[in-house]
Structure formats: structure tokens, C-alpha cells
Amino acid sequence: MNARTRTLLLILGFVAFSLGSFVWFIATWDPAKEEPVVHIPPPLNESLT
């Protein structure tokens, strides 16, 4: 196995691991257990500006 093949296999393994972990994260994500990350502030009262 030459260096080029080994490098391509390493890159392919990394991509497969990244995609697999992303799919696992989405498949096991339960929004009921998580706090929202983004909190939308209440609108500003126009009379204050």
C-alpha cells in the first residue's frame, strides 16, 4: 500500500466517522431534554426610543 492510497483511506475514514457521528447525533437528539440555545428577547417598546 503506497502513501497515496493510505492518505486517501485516512481521509475516507475521517469523512465516514464525521458523517456517522452527525447522523448518530441527529438520530438520538431529544428536543424535550435540551434547553433552547437561542433566546429571543422581547420586542422593544417603540415609545421608549
PDB file of N, CA and C in Angstrom:
ATOM      1  N   MET A   1       0.857  -1.173   0.000  1.00  0.00           N
ATOM      2  CA  MET A   1       0.000   0.000   0.000  1.00  0.00           C
ATOM      3  C   MET A   1       0.901   1.234   0.000  1.00  0.00           C
ATOM      4  N   ASN A   2       0.758   2.049  -1.022  1.00  0.00           N
ATOM      5  CA  ASN A   2       1.620   3.220  -1.108  1.00  0.00           C
ATOM      6  C   ASN A   2       1.052   4.374  -0.275  1.00  0.00           C
ATOM      7  N   ALA A   3       1.793   5.450  -0.193  1.00  0.00           N
ATOM      8  CA  ALA A   3       1.421   6.588   0.650  1.00  0.00           C
ATOM      9  C   ALA A   3       0.140   7.258   0.167  1.00  0.00           C
ATOM     10  N   ARG A   4      -0.055   7.292  -1.132  1.00  0.00           N
ATOM     11  CA  ARG A   4      -1.245   7.949  -1.674  1.00  0.00           C
ATOM     12  C   ARG A   4      -2.508   7.185  -1.276  1.00  0.00           C
ATOM     13  N   THR A   5      -2.477   5.869  -1.395  1.00  0.00           N
ATOM     14  CA  THR A   5      -3.623   5.046  -1.028  1.00  0.00           C
ATOM     15  C   THR A   5      -3.906   5.153   0.471  1.00  0.00           C
ATOM     16  N   ARG A   6      -2.852   5.136   1.264  1.00  0.00           N
ATOM     17  CA  ARG A   6      -3.001   5.248   2.708  1.00  0.00           C
ATOM     18  C   ARG A   6      -3.620   6.589   3.089  1.00  0.00           C
ATOM     19  N   THR A   7      -3.188   7.673   2.431  1.00  0.00           N
ATOM     20  CA  THR A   7      -3.738   9.004   2.704  1.00  0.00           C
ATOM     21  C   THR A   7      -5.209   9.079   2.322  1.00  0.00           C
ATOM     22  N   LEU A   8      -5.552   8.525   1.159  1.00  0.00           N
ATOM     23  CA  LEU A   8      -6.951   8.540   0.737  1.00  0.00           C
ATOM     24  C   LEU A   8      -7.835   7.716   1.674  1.00  0.00           C
ATOM     25  N   LEU A   9      -7.329   6.587   2.143  1.00  0.00           N
ATOM     26  CA  LEU A   9      -8.088   5.783   3.102  1.00  0.00           C
ATOM     27  C   LEU A   9      -8.260   6.510   4.437  1.00  0.00           C
ATOM     28  N   LEU A  10      -7.231   7.223   4.862  1.00  0.00           N
ATOM     29  CA  LEU A  10      -7.324   8.008   6.085  1.00  0.00           C
ATOM     30  C   LEU A  10      -8.368   9.119   5.947  1.00  0.00           C
ATOM     31  N   ILE A  11      -8.360   9.806   4.824  1.00  0.00           N
ATOM     32  CA  ILE A  11      -9.350  10.860   4.576  1.00  0.00           C
ATOM     33  C   ILE A  11     -10.755  10.263   4.512  1.00  0.00           C
ATOM     34  N   LEU A  12     -10.912   9.157   3.812  1.00  0.00           N
ATOM     35  CA  LEU A  12     -12.211   8.498   3.725  1.00  0.00           C
ATOM     36  C   LEU A  12     -12.695   8.041   5.101  1.00  0.00           C
ATOM     37  N   GLY A  13     -11.804   7.535   5.912  1.00  0.00           N
ATOM     38  CA  GLY A  13     -12.170   7.126   7.267  1.00  0.00           C
ATOM     39  C   GLY A  13     -12.619   8.302   8.109  1.00  0.00           C
ATOM     40  N   PHE A  14     -11.931   9.434   7.984  1.00  0.00           N
ATOM     41  CA  PHE A  14     -12.320  10.626   8.722  1.00  0.00           C
ATOM     42  C   PHE A  14     -13.691  11.134   8.291  1.00  0.00           C
ATOM     43  N   VAL A  15     -13.935  11.157   6.989  1.00  0.00           N
ATOM     44  CA  VAL A  15     -15.238  11.607   6.478  1.00  0.00           C
ATOM     45  C   VAL A  15     -16.342  10.657   6.937  1.00  0.00           C
ATOM     46  N   ALA A  16     -16.094   9.361   6.887  1.00  0.00           N
ATOM     47  CA  ALA A  16     -17.089   8.388   7.330  1.00  0.00           C
ATOM     48  C   ALA A  16     -17.372   8.549   8.819  1.00  0.00           C
ATOM     49  N   PHE A  17     -16.346   8.767   9.621  1.00  0.00           N
ATOM     50  CA  PHE A  17     -16.531   8.980  11.049  1.00  0.00           C
ATOM     51  C   PHE A  17     -17.317  10.256  11.316  1.00  0.00           C
ATOM     52  N   SER A  18     -16.997  11.333  10.607  1.00  0.00           N
ATOM     53  CA  SER A  18     -17.694  12.609  10.794  1.00  0.00           C
ATOM     54  C   SER A  18     -19.167  12.487  10.430  1.00  0.00           C
ATOM     55  N   LEU A  19     -19.451  11.891   9.282  1.00  0.00           N
ATOM     56  CA  LEU A  19     -20.843  11.728   8.871  1.00  0.00           C
ATOM     57  C   LEU A  19     -21.595  10.790   9.814  1.00  0.00           C
ATOM     58  N   GLY A  20     -20.950   9.724  10.233  1.00  0.00           N
ATOM     59  CA  GLY A  20     -21.584   8.791  11.156  1.00  0.00           C
ATOM     60  C   GLY A  20     -21.908   9.419  12.487  1.00  0.00           C
ATOM     61  N   SER A  21     -21.003  10.218  13.025  1.00  0.00           N
ATOM     62  CA  SER A  21     -21.277  10.860  14.306  1.00  0.00           C
ATOM     63  C   SER A  21     -22.372  11.917  14.164  1.00  0.00           C
ATOM     64  N   PHE A  22     -22.429  12.594  13.026  1.00  0.00           N
ATOM     65  CA  PHE A  22     -23.509  13.569  12.798  1.00  0.00           C
ATOM     66  C   PHE A  22     -24.859  12.867  12.715  1.00  0.00           C
ATOM     67  N   VAL A  23     -24.929  11.765  11.988  1.00  0.00           N
ATOM     68  CA  VAL A  23     -26.177  11.013  11.871  1.00  0.00           C
ATOM     69  C   VAL A  23     -26.592  10.473  13.243  1.00  0.00           C
ATOM     70  N   TRP A  24     -25.637   9.972  14.028  1.00  0.00           N
ATOM     71  CA  TRP A  24     -25.942   9.483  15.372  1.00  0.00           C
ATOM     72  C   TRP A  24     -26.472  10.611  16.250  1.00  0.00           C
ATOM     73  N   PHE A  25     -25.877  11.795  16.161  1.00  0.00           N
ATOM     74  CA  PHE A  25     -26.331  12.941  16.945  1.00  0.00           C
ATOM     75  C   PHE A  25     -27.760  13.316  16.588  1.00  0.00           C
ATOM     76  N   ILE A  26     -28.082  13.372  15.308  1.00  0.00           N
ATOM     77  CA  ILE A  26     -29.429  13.724  14.878  1.00  0.00           C
ATOM     78  C   ILE A  26     -30.422  12.629  15.270  1.00  0.00           C
ATOM     79  N   ALA A  27     -30.044  11.371  15.130  1.00  0.00           N
ATOM     80  CA  ALA A  27     -30.954  10.265  15.421  1.00  0.00           C
ATOM     81  C   ALA A  27     -31.275  10.156  16.907  1.00  0.00           C
ATOM     82  N   THR A  28     -30.342  10.544  17.774  1.00  0.00           N
ATOM     83  CA  THR A  28     -30.564  10.389  19.210  1.00  0.00           C
ATOM     84  C   THR A  28     -30.916  11.695  19.898  1.00  0.00           C
ATOM     85  N   TRP A  29     -31.096  12.769  19.154  1.00  0.00           N
ATOM     86  CA  TRP A  29     -31.375  14.070  19.744  1.00  0.00           C
ATOM     87  C   TRP A  29     -32.817  14.129  20.205  1.00  0.00           C
ATOM     88  N   ASP A  30     -33.034  14.521  21.447  1.00  0.00           N
ATOM     89  CA  ASP A  30     -34.373  14.665  22.006  1.00  0.00           C
ATOM     90  C   ASP A  30     -34.572  16.130  22.394  1.00  0.00           C
ATOM     91  N   PRO A  31     -35.351  16.884  21.613  1.00  0.00           N
ATOM     92  CA  PRO A  31     -35.502  18.311  21.903  1.00  0.00           C
ATOM     93  C   PRO A  31     -36.193  18.575  23.240  1.00  0.00           C
ATOM     94  N   ALA A  32     -36.963  17.615  23.769  1.00  0.00           N
ATOM     95  CA  ALA A  32     -37.634  17.822  25.045  1.00  0.00           C
ATOM     96  C   ALA A  32     -36.629  17.884  26.202  1.00  0.00           C
ATOM     97  N   LYS A  33     -35.476  17.251  26.040  1.00  0.00           N
ATOM     98  CA  LYS A  33     -34.470  17.225  27.105  1.00  0.00           C
ATOM     99  C   LYS A  33     -33.546  18.432  27.073  1.00  0.00           C
ATOM    100  N   GLU A  34     -33.479  19.125  25.967  1.00  0.00           N
ATOM    101  CA  GLU A  34     -32.494  20.192  25.790  1.00  0.00           C
ATOM    102  C   GLU A  34     -33.112  21.567  26.023  1.00  0.00           C
ATOM    103  N   GLU A  35     -32.319  22.436  26.632  1.00  0.00           N
ATOM    104  CA  GLU A  35     -32.707  23.836  26.751  1.00  0.00           C
ATOM    105  C   GLU A  35     -32.478  24.518  25.406  1.00  0.00           C
ATOM    106  N   PRO A  36     -33.316  25.468  25.036  1.00  0.00           N
ATOM    107  CA  PRO A  36     -33.064  26.174  23.783  1.00  0.00           C
ATOM    108  C   PRO A  36     -31.761  26.964  23.866  1.00  0.00           C
ATOM    109  N   VAL A  37     -31.028  26.978  22.778  1.00  0.00           N
ATOM    110  CA  VAL A  37     -29.753  27.679  22.742  1.00  0.00           C
ATOM    111  C   VAL A  37     -29.967  29.167  22.481  1.00  0.00           C
ATOM    112  N   VAL A  38     -30.945  29.478  21.671  1.00  0.00           N
ATOM    113  CA  VAL A  38     -31.213  30.862  21.295  1.00  0.00           C
ATOM    114  C   VAL A  38     -32.424  31.356  22.071  1.00  0.00           C
ATOM    115  N   HIS A  39     -32.239  32.456  22.739  1.00  0.00           N
ATOM    116  CA  HIS A  39     -33.345  33.086  23.446  1.00  0.00           C
ATOM    117  C   HIS A  39     -33.670  34.389  22.725  1.00  0.00           C
ATOM    118  N   ILE A  40     -34.884  34.504  22.250  1.00  0.00           N
ATOM    119  CA  ILE A  40     -35.300  35.700  21.523  1.00  0.00           C
ATOM    120  C   ILE A  40     -35.779  36.732  22.539  1.00  0.00           C
ATOM    121  N   PRO A  41     -35.146  37.902  22.581  1.00  0.00           N
ATOM    122  CA  PRO A  41     -35.560  38.906  23.548  1.00  0.00           C
ATOM    123  C   PRO A  41     -36.925  39.484  23.167  1.00  0.00           C
ATOM    124  N   PRO A  42     -37.657  39.963  24.160  1.00  0.00           N
ATOM    125  CA  PRO A  42     -38.958  40.571  23.835  1.00  0.00           C
ATOM    126  C   PRO A  42     -38.766  41.808  22.977  1.00  0.00           C
ATOM    127  N   PRO A  43     -39.744  42.155  22.161  1.00  0.00           N
ATOM    128  CA  PRO A  43     -39.583  43.344  21.301  1.00  0.00           C
ATOM    129  C   PRO A  43     -39.502  44.602  22.149  1.00  0.00           C
ATOM    130  N   LEU A  44     -38.735  45.552  21.657  1.00  0.00           N
ATOM    131  CA  LEU A  44     -38.602  46.826  22.353  1.00  0.00           C
ATOM    132  C   LEU A  44     -39.866  47.646  22.178  1.00  0.00           C
ATOM    133  N   ASN A  45     -40.221  48.337  23.218  1.00  0.00           N
ATOM    134  CA  ASN A  45     -41.380  49.226  23.150  1.00  0.00           C
ATOM    135  C   ASN A  45     -40.965  50.477  22.382  1.00  0.00           C
ATOM    136  N   GLU A  46     -41.696  50.826  21.346  1.00  0.00           N
ATOM    137  CA  GLU A  46     -41.313  51.953  20.491  1.00  0.00           C
ATOM    138  C   GLU A  46     -41.399  53.283  21.233  1.00  0.00           C
ATOM    139  N   SER A  47     -42.202  53.365  22.269  1.00  0.00           N
ATOM    140  CA  SER A  47     -42.328  54.626  22.993  1.00  0.00           C
ATOM    141  C   SER A  47     -41.070  54.930  23.811  1.00  0.00           C
ATOM    142  N   LEU A  48     -40.250  53.917  24.062  1.00  0.00           N
ATOM    143  CA  LEU A  48     -39.008  54.126  24.810  1.00  0.00           C
ATOM    144  C   LEU A  48     -37.891  54.671  23.942  1.00  0.00           C
ATOM    145  N   THR A  49     -38.006  54.558  22.622  1.00  0.00           N
ATOM    146  CA  THR A  49     -36.918  55.002  21.741  1.00  0.00           C
ATOM    147  C   THR A  49     -37.137  56.397  21.257  1.00  0.00           C
TER     148      THR A  49
END
